[in-house]
Each structure stands twice: as structure tokens, then as C-alpha cells.
Protein backbone atom coordinates (compact mmCIF):
# COMPACT_ATOMS: atom_id res chain seq x y z
CA MET A 1 -86.60 7.17 8.85
CA ASN A 2 -86.19 6.60 12.58
CA GLU A 3 -85.76 2.87 12.03
CA SER A 4 -82.99 3.51 9.51
CA LYS A 5 -81.12 5.73 11.94
CA GLU A 6 -81.50 3.15 14.71
CA THR A 7 -80.21 0.43 12.42
CA LEU A 8 -77.22 2.55 11.43
CA GLN A 9 -76.42 3.33 15.06
CA SER A 10 -76.69 -0.36 15.93
CA TYR A 11 -74.24 -1.22 13.15
CA GLU A 12 -71.79 1.44 14.23
CA GLN A 13 -71.82 0.05 17.76
CA LEU A 14 -70.85 -3.50 16.75
CA PRO A 15 -68.13 -4.88 19.00
CA GLU A 16 -64.73 -4.86 17.36
CA GLU A 17 -64.57 -8.66 17.42
CA ASN A 18 -67.63 -8.78 15.12
CA LEU A 19 -66.06 -6.59 12.43
CA LEU A 20 -64.56 -8.25 9.37
CA SER A 21 -61.12 -7.47 7.97
CA LYS A 22 -58.63 -8.59 5.36
CA ILE A 23 -57.99 -11.63 7.55
CA PRO A 24 -60.73 -14.22 6.89
CA PHE A 25 -63.02 -14.95 9.81
CA ILE A 26 -63.61 -18.64 10.51
CA ASP A 27 -66.11 -19.54 13.22
CA PRO A 28 -64.49 -21.75 15.88
CA THR A 29 -67.06 -24.48 15.23
CA SER A 30 -66.10 -24.74 11.55
CA HIS A 31 -63.15 -26.39 9.86
CA VAL A 32 -61.35 -25.44 6.66
CA VAL A 33 -59.12 -28.00 4.94
CA ALA A 34 -56.68 -27.36 2.08
CA SER A 35 -58.59 -24.27 0.94
CA ASN A 36 -57.85 -20.67 -0.01
CA LEU A 37 -59.91 -17.84 1.50
CA GLY A 38 -59.90 -14.27 0.23
CA GLU A 39 -60.04 -11.01 2.17
CA TRP A 40 -63.14 -9.91 4.13
CA VAL A 41 -64.44 -13.49 4.01
CA LYS A 42 -66.69 -14.90 6.72
CA ILE A 43 -67.14 -18.63 7.35
CA GLY A 44 -70.21 -19.15 9.53
CA PRO A 45 -70.67 -21.75 12.29
CA ASN A 46 -70.73 -25.52 11.85
CA SER A 47 -69.37 -25.37 8.32
CA SER A 48 -66.98 -27.62 6.46
CA ILE A 49 -64.86 -26.21 3.62
CA VAL A 50 -62.67 -28.74 1.81
CA GLU A 51 -60.27 -28.14 -1.10
CA SER A 52 -62.10 -25.00 -2.18
CA ASP A 53 -61.24 -21.44 -3.21
CA ILE A 54 -63.45 -18.67 -1.83
CA GLY A 55 -63.16 -15.12 -3.16
CA ASP A 56 -63.04 -11.75 -1.41
CA TYR A 57 -66.08 -10.58 0.59
CA THR A 58 -67.90 -13.89 0.17
CA TYR A 59 -69.68 -15.20 3.26
CA ASN A 60 -71.70 -18.21 4.32
CA ALA A 61 -74.31 -18.13 7.07
CA GLY A 62 -73.43 -21.48 8.63
CA ASP A 63 -74.19 -25.19 8.58
CA ASN A 64 -72.69 -25.39 5.10
CA GLN A 65 -70.71 -28.13 3.40
CA ILE A 66 -68.55 -26.96 0.52
CA ILE A 67 -66.15 -29.31 -1.22
CA TYR A 68 -64.13 -29.08 -4.45
CA ALA A 69 -65.51 -25.67 -5.40
CA THR A 70 -64.27 -22.36 -6.76
CA ILE A 71 -66.42 -19.46 -5.54
CA GLY A 72 -66.02 -15.87 -6.71
CA ASN A 73 -66.08 -12.54 -4.91
CA TYR A 74 -69.09 -11.05 -3.09
CA CYS A 75 -71.11 -14.28 -2.99
CA SER A 76 -73.86 -14.67 -0.38
CA ILE A 77 -74.43 -18.23 0.79
CA ALA A 78 -77.35 -18.90 3.13
CA SER A 79 -77.39 -21.61 5.78
CA HIS A 80 -77.64 -25.36 5.13
CA VAL A 81 -76.26 -25.09 1.60
CA ARG A 82 -74.41 -28.10 0.20
CA ILE A 83 -72.02 -27.46 -2.68
CA ASN A 84 -70.71 -30.52 -4.52
CA PRO A 85 -72.20 -33.38 -2.48
CA GLY A 86 -70.31 -36.64 -2.66
CA ASN A 87 -70.77 -39.08 -5.50
CA HIS A 88 -71.07 -42.82 -5.04
CA PRO A 89 -69.81 -45.52 -7.46
CA THR A 90 -73.19 -46.69 -8.79
CA TRP A 91 -71.41 -48.86 -11.37
CA ARG A 92 -69.92 -51.15 -8.70
CA VAL A 93 -71.63 -54.13 -7.08
CA THR A 94 -72.07 -52.00 -3.96
CA GLN A 95 -72.14 -48.23 -3.98
CA HIS A 96 -71.32 -48.06 -0.24
CA HIS A 97 -68.43 -45.77 0.61
CA MET A 98 -66.43 -48.64 2.08
CA THR A 99 -65.39 -49.33 -1.52
CA TYR A 100 -63.37 -46.11 -1.61
CA ARG A 101 -62.97 -45.25 2.10
CA LYS A 102 -61.26 -48.58 2.71
CA GLN A 103 -59.04 -47.42 5.55
CA MET A 104 -62.04 -46.51 7.72
CA TYR A 105 -63.21 -50.12 7.56
CA GLN A 106 -59.71 -51.62 7.80
CA LEU A 107 -59.99 -52.98 4.27
CA GLY A 108 -56.84 -51.41 2.84
CA THR A 109 -55.80 -47.97 1.60
CA ASP A 110 -58.36 -45.47 0.30
CA ASP A 111 -59.17 -45.46 -3.40
CA ALA A 112 -57.14 -42.49 -4.68
CA ASP A 113 -58.42 -42.89 -8.24
CA PHE A 114 -62.03 -42.51 -7.09
CA PHE A 115 -61.31 -39.34 -5.11
CA ASN A 116 -59.39 -37.89 -8.05
CA TRP A 117 -62.42 -38.60 -10.24
CA ILE A 118 -64.60 -36.65 -7.82
CA ARG A 119 -62.14 -33.74 -7.90
CA THR A 120 -62.54 -33.46 -11.67
CA HIS A 121 -66.22 -32.54 -11.17
CA ARG A 122 -65.49 -29.22 -9.47
CA VAL A 123 -68.27 -26.65 -8.94
CA ILE A 124 -67.53 -23.19 -10.36
CA ILE A 125 -69.48 -20.21 -9.01
CA GLY A 126 -69.05 -16.69 -10.39
CA HIS A 127 -69.15 -13.37 -8.55
CA ASP A 128 -72.01 -11.77 -6.61
CA VAL A 129 -74.09 -14.96 -6.61
CA TRP A 130 -76.85 -15.33 -4.02
CA ILE A 131 -77.49 -18.92 -2.94
CA GLY A 132 -80.64 -19.38 -0.84
CA HIS A 133 -81.29 -21.51 2.22
CA GLY A 134 -81.01 -25.28 1.81
CA VAL A 135 -79.73 -25.26 -1.78
CA VAL A 136 -77.85 -28.27 -3.17
CA ILE A 137 -75.48 -27.70 -6.08
CA MET A 138 -74.52 -30.94 -7.77
CA PRO A 139 -70.98 -31.81 -8.96
CA GLY A 140 -69.62 -30.22 -12.12
CA ILE A 141 -72.07 -27.29 -12.16
CA THR A 142 -71.12 -23.77 -13.26
CA ILE A 143 -73.13 -20.81 -11.93
CA GLY A 144 -72.70 -17.48 -13.68
CA THR A 145 -71.99 -14.12 -12.06
CA GLY A 146 -74.98 -12.32 -10.56
CA ALA A 147 -77.21 -15.40 -10.49
CA VAL A 148 -79.80 -16.14 -7.81
CA ILE A 149 -80.49 -19.69 -6.61
CA GLY A 150 -83.85 -19.89 -4.81
CA SER A 151 -84.15 -21.54 -1.41
CA GLY A 152 -84.40 -25.32 -1.48
CA ALA A 153 -83.34 -25.63 -5.11
CA VAL A 154 -81.36 -28.60 -6.38
CA VAL A 155 -79.10 -27.36 -9.16
CA THR A 156 -78.43 -30.09 -11.73
CA LYS A 157 -77.65 -27.87 -14.75
CA SER A 158 -75.41 -24.86 -15.14
CA VAL A 159 -76.91 -21.41 -14.55
CA GLN A 160 -76.39 -18.36 -16.78
CA PRO A 161 -75.18 -14.98 -15.45
CA TYR A 162 -77.89 -12.93 -13.67
CA GLU A 163 -80.38 -15.78 -14.09
CA VAL A 164 -82.83 -16.65 -11.30
CA VAL A 165 -83.50 -20.38 -10.85
CA VAL A 166 -85.82 -22.20 -8.45
CA GLY A 167 -87.19 -25.66 -7.79
CA ILE A 168 -86.20 -29.33 -7.93
CA PRO A 169 -84.53 -29.64 -10.30
CA ALA A 170 -83.74 -25.93 -10.53
CA LYS A 171 -85.16 -24.16 -13.59
CA PRO A 172 -84.81 -20.54 -14.73
CA ILE A 173 -87.80 -18.28 -14.10
CA LYS A 174 -86.36 -14.92 -15.18
CA LYS A 175 -83.27 -12.77 -15.53
CA ARG A 176 -82.55 -10.01 -13.04
CA PHE A 177 -81.97 -7.47 -15.83
CA SER A 178 -82.24 -7.07 -19.59
CA ASN A 179 -79.53 -8.62 -21.75
CA ASP A 180 -78.13 -5.14 -22.46
CA VAL A 181 -77.79 -4.31 -18.77
CA ILE A 182 -76.32 -7.72 -18.03
CA ALA A 183 -73.67 -7.21 -20.71
CA LYS A 184 -72.73 -3.83 -19.22
CA LEU A 185 -72.52 -5.19 -15.69
CA LEU A 186 -70.32 -8.09 -16.80
CA ALA A 187 -68.10 -5.72 -18.75
CA SER A 188 -67.66 -3.46 -15.72
CA GLU A 189 -66.11 -6.23 -13.61
CA TRP A 190 -66.77 -4.10 -10.52
CA TRP A 191 -66.08 -7.13 -8.31
CA LYS A 192 -62.40 -6.68 -9.12
CA TRP A 193 -62.24 -3.15 -7.71
CA PRO A 194 -59.48 -2.71 -5.12
CA ARG A 195 -60.61 -1.65 -1.66
CA GLU A 196 -59.83 2.03 -2.30
CA GLU A 197 -62.03 2.11 -5.40
CA LEU A 198 -64.80 0.22 -3.63
CA GLU A 199 -64.86 2.80 -0.86
CA ALA A 200 -64.80 5.71 -3.30
CA ARG A 201 -67.60 4.35 -5.49
CA PHE A 202 -69.60 2.46 -2.89
CA GLU A 203 -72.82 4.46 -3.35
CA GLU A 204 -72.85 3.61 -7.07
CA LEU A 205 -73.52 -0.02 -6.17
CA ASN A 206 -76.87 0.98 -4.68
CA ASN A 207 -78.06 2.86 -7.77
CA LEU A 208 -78.26 0.92 -11.04
CA GLU A 209 -78.89 3.94 -13.26
CA LEU A 210 -76.00 5.87 -11.71
CA PHE A 211 -73.71 2.88 -12.04
CA LEU A 212 -74.55 2.32 -15.71
CA SER A 213 -74.10 6.00 -16.51
CA LYS A 214 -70.54 5.88 -15.18
CA HIS A 215 -69.43 2.48 -16.39
């Protein structure tokens, strides 16, 4: 009990500059390009976010590379996660990126068609997804709401809602809840609550039985 009180006091004493707000926080060592960030979002250090949409309350711990992805609300992304790593043209004589990053090598203009092809393989991540340390999510993958991706996993196939996957390649090991509970949680769509409702019902999120009895 004492530890809990000490932890609470420590949280209450956080400097104002460490508190999140409706304005997304982007660490000075990170860069965000052509992306949309929701409210209460935190982008950790040494991260690169490119042409991606990140929902409200989602955070990443740092050292992340996220490209061409749509990420829902309340997602937790650990450090060293790579979402949508680059593809290479294995069908060409050489798969080296000079074949599409021509300008870098003074060989002409970049290959717009190739980059547009990559953009069509967007990663879609639902709400309240927990992505563990060092995960790689391959292009074109869809991850359902409430899923858990174990640390170090390489996700090569889409993941169902509230499914837990681990390994290389990632495989399901269980579901967080029964199918009945999953259906009720998905139907509740609590992740769409406005801030006022979140504050009023916050304690319900810590008690599954209470939540299900009310929703």
C-alpha cells in the first residue's frame, strides 16, 4: 500500500513539461513527415514517422520507424518497433535501392511508380493494441483491436482482435478473452469516448466485470 501511495505522489509531482495534452508531444530528436497525429499522443525519442495516421492517446517509447501506417487510438508501442519496413524490387536485376532512389546516386529522378506501389501496402492497426519491444510488422498487415504482439515478433500475417501472437513468424497462442467478451468489447467502442466520458467512466476500464455489466 505504501508503494502505491508513493507512486501516486510521484506521478502527481511530474513537472508540467512532462504532462501530455491535446497537442501531440514529439520528442525533439524525432521527425514526423506528412502524418496526422491525434490528441494526447506521444512520439518518443529517435523516432521516424512518415505518411502515417496515429490515433488519440497512442504513444511510442522511442527508436521507432513507422511508415505508411494507420494506427488507432490507445495503442502502446514499445521501443525499437518497425512498422512497414521498406520493400526492395526482387524482380529486377539488382534489388539495390539505387534502382528507385535514383536521385541520391545522380542517376535521374526517383521511381515514383515504385514508391506508389509501396504505399498500397499500408499497415492497418486497430485500437488498444500493445506492440512489444523489437517487433517488426511487415507491409500490408492488419492487426485487430485489442491484440498483443509479443516482443521480438515478426508479423507476416494479419492478427485477429484480442489475439496474442508471438515468435518469428508471429503465430497466435491465445485470445485475451472469450469470444463472447470480445464481441461485447468491440461493440462498446469505448475507444471513441470523448474526453468527458472517459473521465467520468475511467474506473470502469480497470474492472472488466463492471465494464461488461454497464455496456
